[in-house]
Amino acid sequence: MRYPYYIRMAILLCVGAFSPILIHYYVMYRFDVSVLRAAEITFILCIPIAAWLASKINERWHDDRED
């Protein structure tokens, strides 16, 4: 069963919006690094998340079926 469109988009929005913030704060406090260094590490760690989001959005964009 596929969830309705608005639920899938809400999940993608939450993953895209909140995961970088949570990763940043985790790296900053867990490894005791500066804000700038934590931002650099977060950028590297978020590349797989961005690839996953792009693939999911691409699936939806090319989906010809009506919900």
C-alpha atoms as a PDB file:
ATOM      1  CA  MET A   1       0.000   0.000   0.000  1.00  0.00           C
ATOM      2  CA  ARG A   2       1.293   3.400  -0.938  1.00  0.00           C
ATOM      3  CA  TYR A   3       0.549   6.311   1.285  1.00  0.00           C
ATOM      4  CA  PRO A   4      -1.267   9.291  -0.218  1.00  0.00           C
ATOM      5  CA  TYR A   5       0.784  11.943  -1.956  1.00  0.00           C
ATOM      6  CA  TYR A   6       0.540  14.540   0.800  1.00  0.00           C
ATOM      7  CA  ILE A   7       1.814  12.099   3.439  1.00  0.00           C
ATOM      8  CA  ARG A   8       4.784  11.065   1.275  1.00  0.00           C
ATOM      9  CA  MET A   9       5.681  14.692   0.613  1.00  0.00           C
ATOM     10  CA  ALA A  10       5.389  15.518   4.319  1.00  0.00           C
ATOM     11  CA  ILE A  11       7.798  12.679   5.144  1.00  0.00           C
ATOM     12  CA  LEU A  12      10.273  13.913   2.528  1.00  0.00           C
ATOM     13  CA  LEU A  13       9.972  17.457   3.847  1.00  0.00           C
ATOM     14  CA  CYS A  14      10.628  16.353   7.432  1.00  0.00           C
ATOM     15  CA  VAL A  15      13.614  14.217   6.437  1.00  0.00           C
ATOM     16  CA  GLY A  16      15.064  17.019   4.294  1.00  0.00           C
ATOM     17  CA  ALA A  17      14.493  19.714   6.902  1.00  0.00           C
ATOM     18  CA  PHE A  18      15.263  18.052  10.214  1.00  0.00           C
ATOM     19  CA  SER A  19      17.981  15.501   9.497  1.00  0.00           C
ATOM     20  CA  PRO A  20      20.735  18.071   8.729  1.00  0.00           C
ATOM     21  CA  ILE A  21      19.886  19.998  11.905  1.00  0.00           C
ATOM     22  CA  LEU A  22      19.951  16.893  14.060  1.00  0.00           C
ATOM     23  CA  ILE A  23      23.177  15.635  12.473  1.00  0.00           C
ATOM     24  CA  HIS A  24      24.811  19.036  12.976  1.00  0.00           C
ATOM     25  CA  TYR A  25      23.969  19.254  16.665  1.00  0.00           C
ATOM     26  CA  TYR A  26      24.951  15.628  17.256  1.00  0.00           C
ATOM     27  CA  VAL A  27      28.351  16.124  15.622  1.00  0.00           C
ATOM     28  CA  MET A  28      28.930  19.431  17.386  1.00  0.00           C
ATOM     29  CA  TYR A  29      28.199  18.184  20.898  1.00  0.00           C
ATOM     30  CA  ARG A  30      29.324  14.560  20.615  1.00  0.00           C
ATOM     31  CA  PHE A  31      32.736  15.277  19.108  1.00  0.00           C
ATOM     32  CA  ASP A  32      33.197  18.691  20.738  1.00  0.00           C
ATOM     33  CA  VAL A  33      34.053  20.552  17.543  1.00  0.00           C
ATOM     34  CA  SER A  34      33.346  24.116  16.503  1.00  0.00           C
ATOM     35  CA  VAL A  35      30.187  25.144  14.711  1.00  0.00           C
ATOM     36  CA  LEU A  36      32.057  25.611  11.430  1.00  0.00           C
ATOM     37  CA  ARG A  37      33.768  22.206  11.612  1.00  0.00           C
ATOM     38  CA  ALA A  38      30.449  20.546  12.509  1.00  0.00           C
ATOM     39  CA  ALA A  39      28.859  22.246   9.487  1.00  0.00           C
ATOM     40  CA  GLU A  40      31.574  20.870   7.208  1.00  0.00           C
ATOM     41  CA  ILE A  41      31.103  17.348   8.553  1.00  0.00           C
ATOM     42  CA  THR A  42      27.317  17.666   8.315  1.00  0.00           C
ATOM     43  CA  PHE A  43      27.599  18.712   4.686  1.00  0.00           C
ATOM     44  CA  ILE A  44      29.555  15.551   3.891  1.00  0.00           C
ATOM     45  CA  LEU A  45      27.183  13.331   5.882  1.00  0.00           C
ATOM     46  CA  CYS A  46      24.084  14.785   4.201  1.00  0.00           C
ATOM     47  CA  ILE A  47      25.139  13.842   0.653  1.00  0.00           C
ATOM     48  CA  PRO A  48      23.541  10.353   0.893  1.00  0.00           C
ATOM     49  CA  ILE A  49      20.364  11.908   2.309  1.00  0.00           C
ATOM     50  CA  ALA A  50      20.219  14.341  -0.607  1.00  0.00           C
ATOM     51  CA  ALA A  51      20.715  11.488  -3.074  1.00  0.00           C
ATOM     52  CA  TRP A  52      17.907   9.508  -1.459  1.00  0.00           C
ATOM     53  CA  LEU A  53      15.577  12.523  -1.497  1.00  0.00           C
ATOM     54  CA  ALA A  54      16.385  13.203  -5.152  1.00  0.00           C
ATOM     55  CA  SER A  55      15.631   9.606  -6.111  1.00  0.00           C
ATOM     56  CA  LYS A  56      12.299   9.651  -4.251  1.00  0.00           C
ATOM     57  CA  ILE A  57      11.284  12.960  -5.803  1.00  0.00           C
ATOM     58  CA  ASN A  58      12.341  11.676  -9.216  1.00  0.00           C
ATOM     59  CA  GLU A  59      10.175   8.570  -8.720  1.00  0.00           C
ATOM     60  CA  ARG A  60       7.195  10.750  -7.912  1.00  0.00           C
ATOM     61  CA  TRP A  61       7.876  13.127 -10.793  1.00  0.00           C
ATOM     62  CA  HIS A  62       7.909  10.288 -13.345  1.00  0.00           C
ATOM     63  CA  ASP A  63       5.005   8.395 -11.813  1.00  0.00           C
ATOM     64  CA  ASP A  64       2.180   8.489 -14.348  1.00  0.00           C
ATOM     65  CA  ARG A  65      -0.383   6.711 -12.224  1.00  0.00           C
ATOM     66  CA  GLU A  66      -3.139   8.680 -10.560  1.00  0.00           C
ATOM     67  CA  ASP A  67      -3.554   8.299  -6.807  1.00  0.00           C
END
